């Protein structure tokens, strides 16, 4: 800590004794605070309570106080790249990634058949619970990320990954078939196993040989 008596001051030369004392006292108090930078401005390391202020500093317009902390940090992290690249494919992808979605963006000339000029198809996949609220938030973020002339068609798919097994068994001549649960809009991929079994019982009676 530097000598308080020789601390540089911005006070004018005609400052009163009270002003100089306050300047000296506040300077000593500030020296006791460990500087929070640069971690404070890093979305990954900043305290969770500071995330809303960091989001405001980076111009985040779409913000939910009820969102998960991981989503908030990702939104702040992608705020500046999205703003710098507004109107591009990368900006649209970042808008979806901020909500922890997996985006697939295709420009009009990449679609089969080609779409309307200056249009984008945005397909987003999620492994997280999805709701109308998140859908509305995605629309707002995409609107901020696209250019004025662009039009968007947006769809969301739910994806699940894992091993899926389908089995059937026949017992006493009755056939039981188990069908997988089908949820509209749910896409699944992975190895599928099918099994069938039959259970039969044979009874044999042995009598002793007659004398």
C-alpha atoms as a PDB file:
ATOM      1  CA  UNK A   1       0.000   0.000   0.000  1.00  0.00           C
ATOM      2  CA  UNK A   2       1.345   3.431  -0.883  1.00  0.00           C
ATOM      3  CA  UNK A   3       1.799   6.153   1.694  1.00  0.00           C
ATOM      4  CA  UNK A   4      -1.629   7.849   2.108  1.00  0.00           C
ATOM      5  CA  UNK A   5       0.049  11.194   2.596  1.00  0.00           C
ATOM      6  CA  UNK A   6       1.610  10.996  -0.884  1.00  0.00           C
ATOM      7  CA  UNK A   7      -1.416   9.608  -2.704  1.00  0.00           C
ATOM      8  CA  UNK A   8      -2.175  11.396  -6.000  1.00  0.00           C
ATOM      9  CA  UNK A   9      -5.330  13.466  -5.705  1.00  0.00           C
ATOM     10  CA  UNK A  10      -7.671  15.044  -8.256  1.00  0.00           C
ATOM     11  CA  UNK A  11      -8.814  17.706  -5.813  1.00  0.00           C
ATOM     12  CA  UNK A  12      -8.020  21.310  -6.760  1.00  0.00           C
ATOM     13  CA  UNK A  13      -5.335  23.184  -4.834  1.00  0.00           C
ATOM     14  CA  UNK A  14      -7.896  25.338  -2.959  1.00  0.00           C
ATOM     15  CA  UNK A  15      -9.730  22.294  -1.482  1.00  0.00           C
ATOM     16  CA  UNK A  16     -10.792  22.573   2.126  1.00  0.00           C
ATOM     17  CA  UNK A  17      -9.315  20.483   4.897  1.00  0.00           C
ATOM     18  CA  UNK A  18     -12.566  18.475   5.115  1.00  0.00           C
ATOM     19  CA  UNK A  19     -12.461  17.654   1.401  1.00  0.00           C
ATOM     20  CA  UNK A  20      -8.852  16.555   1.641  1.00  0.00           C
ATOM     21  CA  UNK A  21      -9.638  14.389   4.673  1.00  0.00           C
ATOM     22  CA  UNK A  22     -12.544  12.706   2.899  1.00  0.00           C
ATOM     23  CA  UNK A  23     -10.402  12.111  -0.168  1.00  0.00           C
ATOM     24  CA  UNK A  24      -7.695  10.569   1.987  1.00  0.00           C
ATOM     25  CA  UNK A  25     -10.126   8.421   3.975  1.00  0.00           C
ATOM     26  CA  UNK A  26     -11.951   7.024   0.937  1.00  0.00           C
ATOM     27  CA  UNK A  27      -8.602   6.322  -0.701  1.00  0.00           C
ATOM     28  CA  UNK A  28      -7.520   4.198   2.260  1.00  0.00           C
ATOM     29  CA  UNK A  29     -10.825   2.280   2.151  1.00  0.00           C
ATOM     30  CA  UNK A  30     -10.452   1.597  -1.564  1.00  0.00           C
ATOM     31  CA  UNK A  31      -6.962   0.192  -1.000  1.00  0.00           C
ATOM     32  CA  UNK A  32      -8.501  -2.482   1.243  1.00  0.00           C
ATOM     33  CA  UNK A  33     -10.704  -3.790  -1.601  1.00  0.00           C
ATOM     34  CA  UNK A  34      -9.134  -6.393  -3.826  1.00  0.00           C
ATOM     35  CA  UNK A  35      -9.669  -5.321  -7.449  1.00  0.00           C
ATOM     36  CA  UNK A  36     -12.351  -7.596  -8.994  1.00  0.00           C
ATOM     37  CA  UNK A  37     -11.115  -7.197 -12.562  1.00  0.00           C
ATOM     38  CA  UNK A  38     -10.752  -8.923 -14.961  1.00  0.00           C
ATOM     39  CA  UNK A  39     -12.822 -11.829 -13.541  1.00  0.00           C
ATOM     40  CA  UNK A  40     -15.769  -9.506 -12.912  1.00  0.00           C
ATOM     41  CA  UNK A  41     -16.157  -8.846 -16.645  1.00  0.00           C
ATOM     42  CA  UNK A  42     -15.731 -12.481 -17.641  1.00  0.00           C
ATOM     43  CA  UNK A  43     -19.125 -14.213 -18.132  1.00  0.00           C
ATOM     44  CA  UNK A  44     -17.623 -17.529 -17.060  1.00  0.00           C
ATOM     45  CA  UNK A  45     -16.041 -16.327 -13.801  1.00  0.00           C
ATOM     46  CA  UNK A  46     -18.201 -13.401 -12.711  1.00  0.00           C
ATOM     47  CA  UNK A  47     -20.495 -13.943  -9.683  1.00  0.00           C
ATOM     48  CA  UNK A  48     -23.999 -15.035 -10.636  1.00  0.00           C
ATOM     49  CA  UNK A  49     -25.468 -11.947  -8.969  1.00  0.00           C
ATOM     50  CA  UNK A  50     -23.480  -9.715 -11.347  1.00  0.00           C
ATOM     51  CA  UNK A  51     -24.680 -11.418 -14.549  1.00  0.00           C
ATOM     52  CA  UNK A  52     -27.708  -9.091 -15.096  1.00  0.00           C
ATOM     53  CA  UNK A  53     -25.444  -6.023 -14.893  1.00  0.00           C
ATOM     54  CA  UNK A  54     -22.912  -7.567 -17.253  1.00  0.00           C
ATOM     55  CA  UNK A  55     -25.761  -8.413 -19.645  1.00  0.00           C
ATOM     56  CA  UNK A  56     -26.966  -4.801 -19.559  1.00  0.00           C
ATOM     57  CA  UNK A  57     -23.409  -3.596 -20.155  1.00  0.00           C
ATOM     58  CA  UNK A  58     -23.225  -5.787 -23.293  1.00  0.00           C
ATOM     59  CA  UNK A  59     -26.588  -4.673 -24.639  1.00  0.00           C
ATOM     60  CA  UNK A  60     -28.555  -7.884 -24.065  1.00  0.00           C
ATOM     61  CA  UNK A  61     -32.196  -7.022 -24.781  1.00  0.00           C
ATOM     62  CA  UNK A  62     -33.789 -10.456 -24.269  1.00  0.00           C
ATOM     63  CA  UNK A  63     -33.186 -11.604 -20.681  1.00  0.00           C
ATOM     64  CA  UNK A  64     -35.036 -13.901 -18.302  1.00  0.00           C
ATOM     65  CA  UNK A  65     -34.401 -13.731 -14.569  1.00  0.00           C
ATOM     66  CA  UNK A  66     -35.838 -17.261 -14.243  1.00  0.00           C
ATOM     67  CA  UNK A  67     -33.402 -18.822 -16.711  1.00  0.00           C
ATOM     68  CA  UNK A  68     -30.758 -21.289 -15.566  1.00  0.00           C
ATOM     69  CA  UNK A  69     -27.383 -19.825 -14.621  1.00  0.00           C
ATOM     70  CA  UNK A  70     -25.662 -21.730 -17.453  1.00  0.00           C
ATOM     71  CA  UNK A  71     -28.026 -20.111 -19.968  1.00  0.00           C
ATOM     72  CA  UNK A  72     -27.415 -16.632 -18.538  1.00  0.00           C
ATOM     73  CA  UNK A  73     -23.640 -17.013 -18.767  1.00  0.00           C
ATOM     74  CA  UNK A  74     -23.874 -18.290 -22.338  1.00  0.00           C
ATOM     75  CA  UNK A  75     -26.193 -15.432 -23.324  1.00  0.00           C
ATOM     76  CA  UNK A  76     -23.741 -12.836 -21.985  1.00  0.00           C
ATOM     77  CA  UNK A  77     -20.794 -14.596 -23.617  1.00  0.00           C
ATOM     78  CA  UNK A  78     -22.466 -14.562 -27.055  1.00  0.00           C
ATOM     79  CA  UNK A  79     -23.899 -11.042 -26.803  1.00  0.00           C
ATOM     80  CA  UNK A  80     -21.022  -9.168 -28.457  1.00  0.00           C
ATOM     81  CA  UNK A  81     -20.306 -11.757 -31.204  1.00  0.00           C
ATOM     82  CA  UNK A  82     -24.013 -11.759 -32.099  1.00  0.00           C
ATOM     83  CA  UNK A  83     -24.162  -7.960 -32.250  1.00  0.00           C
ATOM     84  CA  UNK A  84     -21.003  -7.725 -34.365  1.00  0.00           C
ATOM     85  CA  UNK A  85     -22.260 -10.314 -36.843  1.00  0.00           C
ATOM     86  CA  UNK A  86     -25.910  -9.256 -36.963  1.00  0.00           C
ATOM     87  CA  UNK A  87     -27.586 -10.242 -40.221  1.00  0.00           C
ATOM     88  CA  UNK A  88     -25.333 -13.258 -40.803  1.00  0.00           C
ATOM     89  CA  UNK A  89     -25.799 -16.984 -40.384  1.00  0.00           C
ATOM     90  CA  UNK A  90     -23.453 -16.946 -37.362  1.00  0.00           C
ATOM     91  CA  UNK A  91     -25.595 -14.369 -35.585  1.00  0.00           C
ATOM     92  CA  UNK A  92     -28.710 -16.515 -36.063  1.00  0.00           C
ATOM     93  CA  UNK A  93     -26.856 -19.556 -34.751  1.00  0.00           C
ATOM     94  CA  UNK A  94     -25.626 -17.613 -31.716  1.00  0.00           C
ATOM     95  CA  UNK A  95     -29.165 -16.441 -30.985  1.00  0.00           C
ATOM     96  CA  UNK A  96     -30.272 -20.060 -30.698  1.00  0.00           C
ATOM     97  CA  UNK A  97     -27.151 -21.247 -28.890  1.00  0.00           C
ATOM     98  CA  UNK A  98     -27.759 -18.667 -26.165  1.00  0.00           C
ATOM     99  CA  UNK A  99     -30.880 -20.637 -25.227  1.00  0.00           C
ATOM    100  CA  UNK A 100     -28.859 -23.876 -25.208  1.00  0.00           C
ATOM    101  CA  UNK A 101     -30.392 -25.007 -28.486  1.00  0.00           C
ATOM    102  CA  UNK A 102     -28.562 -26.792 -31.307  1.00  0.00           C
ATOM    103  CA  UNK A 103     -29.184 -24.709 -34.457  1.00  0.00           C
ATOM    104  CA  UNK A 104     -29.234 -25.715 -38.095  1.00  0.00           C
ATOM    105  CA  UNK A 105     -29.482 -22.642 -40.339  1.00  0.00           C
ATOM    106  CA  UNK A 106     -29.921 -22.774 -44.117  1.00  0.00           C
ATOM    107  CA  UNK A 107     -30.028 -19.806 -46.439  1.00  0.00           C
ATOM    108  CA  UNK A 108     -32.639 -19.674 -49.205  1.00  0.00           C
ATOM    109  CA  UNK A 109     -30.167 -20.755 -51.908  1.00  0.00           C
ATOM    110  CA  UNK A 110     -29.169 -23.854 -49.871  1.00  0.00           C
ATOM    111  CA  UNK A 111     -32.716 -25.172 -49.603  1.00  0.00           C
ATOM    112  CA  UNK A 112     -34.226 -27.807 -51.910  1.00  0.00           C
ATOM    113  CA  UNK A 113     -36.123 -26.420 -53.697  1.00  0.00           C
ATOM    114  CA  UNK A 114     -34.648 -22.913 -53.231  1.00  0.00           C
ATOM    115  CA  UNK A 115     -36.672 -20.658 -50.959  1.00  0.00           C
ATOM    116  CA  UNK A 116     -37.606 -17.023 -51.308  1.00  0.00           C
ATOM    117  CA  UNK A 117     -34.609 -14.698 -51.713  1.00  0.00           C
ATOM    118  CA  UNK A 118     -33.201 -13.347 -48.441  1.00  0.00           C
ATOM    119  CA  UNK A 119     -34.928 -15.995 -46.362  1.00  0.00           C
ATOM    120  CA  UNK A 120     -33.484 -18.404 -43.817  1.00  0.00           C
ATOM    121  CA  UNK A 121     -34.694 -21.729 -42.500  1.00  0.00           C
ATOM    122  CA  UNK A 122     -33.836 -22.074 -38.820  1.00  0.00           C
ATOM    123  CA  UNK A 123     -34.152 -25.542 -37.360  1.00  0.00           C
ATOM    124  CA  UNK A 124     -33.291 -25.866 -33.674  1.00  0.00           C
ATOM    125  CA  UNK A 125     -32.939 -29.046 -31.651  1.00  0.00           C
ATOM    126  CA  UNK A 126     -33.035 -29.327 -27.881  1.00  0.00           C
ATOM    127  CA  UNK A 127     -32.537 -32.002 -25.263  1.00  0.00           C
ATOM    128  CA  UNK A 128     -33.951 -29.672 -22.585  1.00  0.00           C
ATOM    129  CA  UNK A 129     -37.616 -29.158 -21.644  1.00  0.00           C
ATOM    130  CA  UNK A 130     -39.215 -26.805 -24.185  1.00  0.00           C
ATOM    131  CA  UNK A 131     -42.140 -24.445 -23.634  1.00  0.00           C
ATOM    132  CA  UNK A 132     -44.094 -21.659 -25.308  1.00  0.00           C
ATOM    133  CA  UNK A 133     -42.117 -19.151 -23.244  1.00  0.00           C
ATOM    134  CA  UNK A 134     -38.797 -20.399 -24.645  1.00  0.00           C
ATOM    135  CA  UNK A 135     -40.310 -20.425 -28.134  1.00  0.00           C
ATOM    136  CA  UNK A 136     -41.291 -16.752 -27.786  1.00  0.00           C
ATOM    137  CA  UNK A 137     -37.839 -15.879 -26.442  1.00  0.00           C
ATOM    138  CA  UNK A 138     -36.213 -17.614 -29.410  1.00  0.00           C
ATOM    139  CA  UNK A 139     -38.323 -15.558 -31.818  1.00  0.00           C
ATOM    140  CA  UNK A 140     -37.265 -12.319 -30.114  1.00  0.00           C
ATOM    141  CA  UNK A 141     -33.589 -13.241 -30.205  1.00  0.00           C
ATOM    142  CA  UNK A 142     -33.724 -14.233 -33.843  1.00  0.00           C
ATOM    143  CA  UNK A 143     -35.498 -10.967 -34.692  1.00  0.00           C
ATOM    144  CA  UNK A 144     -32.630  -9.036 -33.086  1.00  0.00           C
ATOM    145  CA  UNK A 145     -29.986 -11.126 -34.881  1.00  0.00           C
ATOM    146  CA  UNK A 146     -31.363 -11.009 -38.434  1.00  0.00           C
ATOM    147  CA  UNK A 147     -31.178  -8.156 -40.922  1.00  0.00           C
ATOM    148  CA  UNK A 148     -34.261  -6.099 -41.745  1.00  0.00           C
ATOM    149  CA  UNK A 149     -34.696  -7.622 -45.205  1.00  0.00           C
ATOM    150  CA  UNK A 150     -34.422 -11.237 -44.067  1.00  0.00           C
ATOM    151  CA  UNK A 151     -37.418 -13.471 -43.378  1.00  0.00           C
ATOM    152  CA  UNK A 152     -37.217 -16.565 -41.199  1.00  0.00           C
ATOM    153  CA  UNK A 153     -39.035 -19.875 -40.973  1.00  0.00           C
ATOM    154  CA  UNK A 154     -38.396 -21.417 -37.564  1.00  0.00           C
ATOM    155  CA  UNK A 155     -39.022 -24.947 -36.318  1.00  0.00           C
ATOM    156  CA  UNK A 156     -37.913 -26.758 -33.196  1.00  0.00           C
ATOM    157  CA  UNK A 157     -37.315 -30.486 -32.773  1.00  0.00           C
ATOM    158  CA  UNK A 158     -36.936 -32.409 -29.546  1.00  0.00           C
ATOM    159  CA  UNK A 159     -34.130 -34.942 -29.611  1.00  0.00           C
ATOM    160  CA  UNK A 160     -33.367 -37.833 -27.317  1.00  0.00           C
ATOM    161  CA  UNK A 161     -30.460 -40.242 -27.457  1.00  0.00           C
ATOM    162  CA  UNK A 162     -30.030 -43.638 -25.860  1.00  0.00           C
ATOM    163  CA  UNK A 163     -30.543 -47.363 -26.255  1.00  0.00           C
ATOM    164  CA  UNK A 164     -34.071 -48.432 -27.122  1.00  0.00           C
ATOM    165  CA  UNK A 165     -35.228 -52.018 -26.693  1.00  0.00           C
ATOM    166  CA  UNK A 166     -38.511 -53.475 -27.952  1.00  0.00           C
ATOM    167  CA  UNK A 167     -39.539 -56.910 -26.681  1.00  0.00           C
ATOM    168  CA  UNK A 168     -42.409 -59.316 -27.172  1.00  0.00           C
ATOM    169  CA  UNK A 169     -43.277 -62.579 -25.447  1.00  0.00           C
ATOM    170  CA  UNK A 170     -45.752 -65.412 -26.048  1.00  0.00           C
ATOM    171  CA  UNK A 171     -47.096 -67.213 -22.984  1.00  0.00           C
ATOM    172  CA  UNK A 172     -49.747 -69.936 -23.064  1.00  0.00           C
ATOM    173  CA  UNK A 173     -50.632 -69.157 -26.628  1.00  0.00           C
ATOM    174  CA  UNK A 174     -51.298 -65.444 -25.978  1.00  0.00           C
ATOM    175  CA  UNK A 175     -49.374 -62.925 -28.042  1.00  0.00           C
ATOM    176  CA  UNK A 176     -48.365 -59.699 -26.343  1.00  0.00           C
ATOM    177  CA  UNK A 177     -46.898 -56.879 -28.425  1.00  0.00           C
ATOM    178  CA  UNK A 178     -45.211 -53.872 -26.810  1.00  0.00           C
ATOM    179  CA  UNK A 179     -45.146 -50.717 -28.921  1.00  0.00           C
ATOM    180  CA  UNK A 180     -42.788 -47.776 -28.200  1.00  0.00           C
ATOM    181  CA  UNK A 181     -44.312 -44.548 -26.951  1.00  0.00           C
ATOM    182  CA  UNK A 182     -44.710 -42.100 -29.828  1.00  0.00           C
ATOM    183  CA  UNK A 183     -44.565 -38.391 -29.035  1.00  0.00           C
ATOM    184  CA  UNK A 184     -45.223 -35.961 -31.859  1.00  0.00           C
ATOM    185  CA  UNK A 185     -42.154 -33.880 -32.667  1.00  0.00           C
ATOM    186  CA  UNK A 186     -39.803 -36.219 -30.778  1.00  0.00           C
ATOM    187  CA  UNK A 187     -36.899 -37.622 -32.763  1.00  0.00           C
ATOM    188  CA  UNK A 188     -34.929 -40.583 -31.435  1.00  0.00           C
ATOM    189  CA  UNK A 189     -31.847 -42.297 -32.747  1.00  0.00           C
ATOM    190  CA  UNK A 190     -29.747 -45.187 -31.569  1.00  0.00           C
ATOM    191  CA  UNK A 191     -29.476 -48.949 -31.624  1.00  0.00           C
ATOM    192  CA  UNK A 192     -32.771 -50.814 -31.486  1.00  0.00           C
ATOM    193  CA  UNK A 193     -33.058 -54.382 -30.196  1.00  0.00           C
ATOM    194  CA  UNK A 194     -36.022 -56.696 -30.713  1.00  0.00           C
ATOM    195  CA  UNK A 195     -36.551 -59.941 -28.841  1.00  0.00           C
ATOM    196  CA  UNK A 196     -39.199 -62.643 -28.795  1.00  0.00           C
ATOM    197  CA  UNK A 197     -39.633 -65.604 -26.507  1.00  0.00           C
ATOM    198  CA  UNK A 198     -41.960 -68.566 -26.152  1.00  0.00           C
ATOM    199  CA  UNK A 199     -42.755 -70.390 -22.943  1.00  0.00           C
ATOM    200  CA  UNK A 200     -44.228 -73.912 -23.067  1.00  0.00           C
ATOM    201  CA  UNK A 201     -44.875 -76.541 -20.408  1.00  0.00           C
ATOM    202  CA  UNK A 202     -44.977 -80.309 -21.034  1.00  0.00           C
ATOM    203  CA  UNK A 203     -46.209 -82.709 -18.358  1.00  0.00           C
ATOM    204  CA  UNK A 204     -45.197 -86.417 -18.406  1.00  0.00           C
ATOM    205  CA  UNK A 205     -46.692 -89.043 -16.081  1.00  0.00           C
ATOM    206  CA  UNK A 206     -44.747 -92.289 -15.452  1.00  0.00           C
ATOM    207  CA  UNK A 207     -46.630 -95.303 -14.062  1.00  0.00           C
ATOM    208  CA  UNK A 208     -44.895 -98.277 -12.467  1.00  0.00           C
ATOM    209  CA  UNK A 209     -44.682-101.450 -14.604  1.00  0.00           C
ATOM    210  CA  UNK A 210     -47.326-104.006 -13.721  1.00  0.00           C
ATOM    211  CA  UNK A 211     -46.169-107.263 -12.069  1.00  0.00           C
END
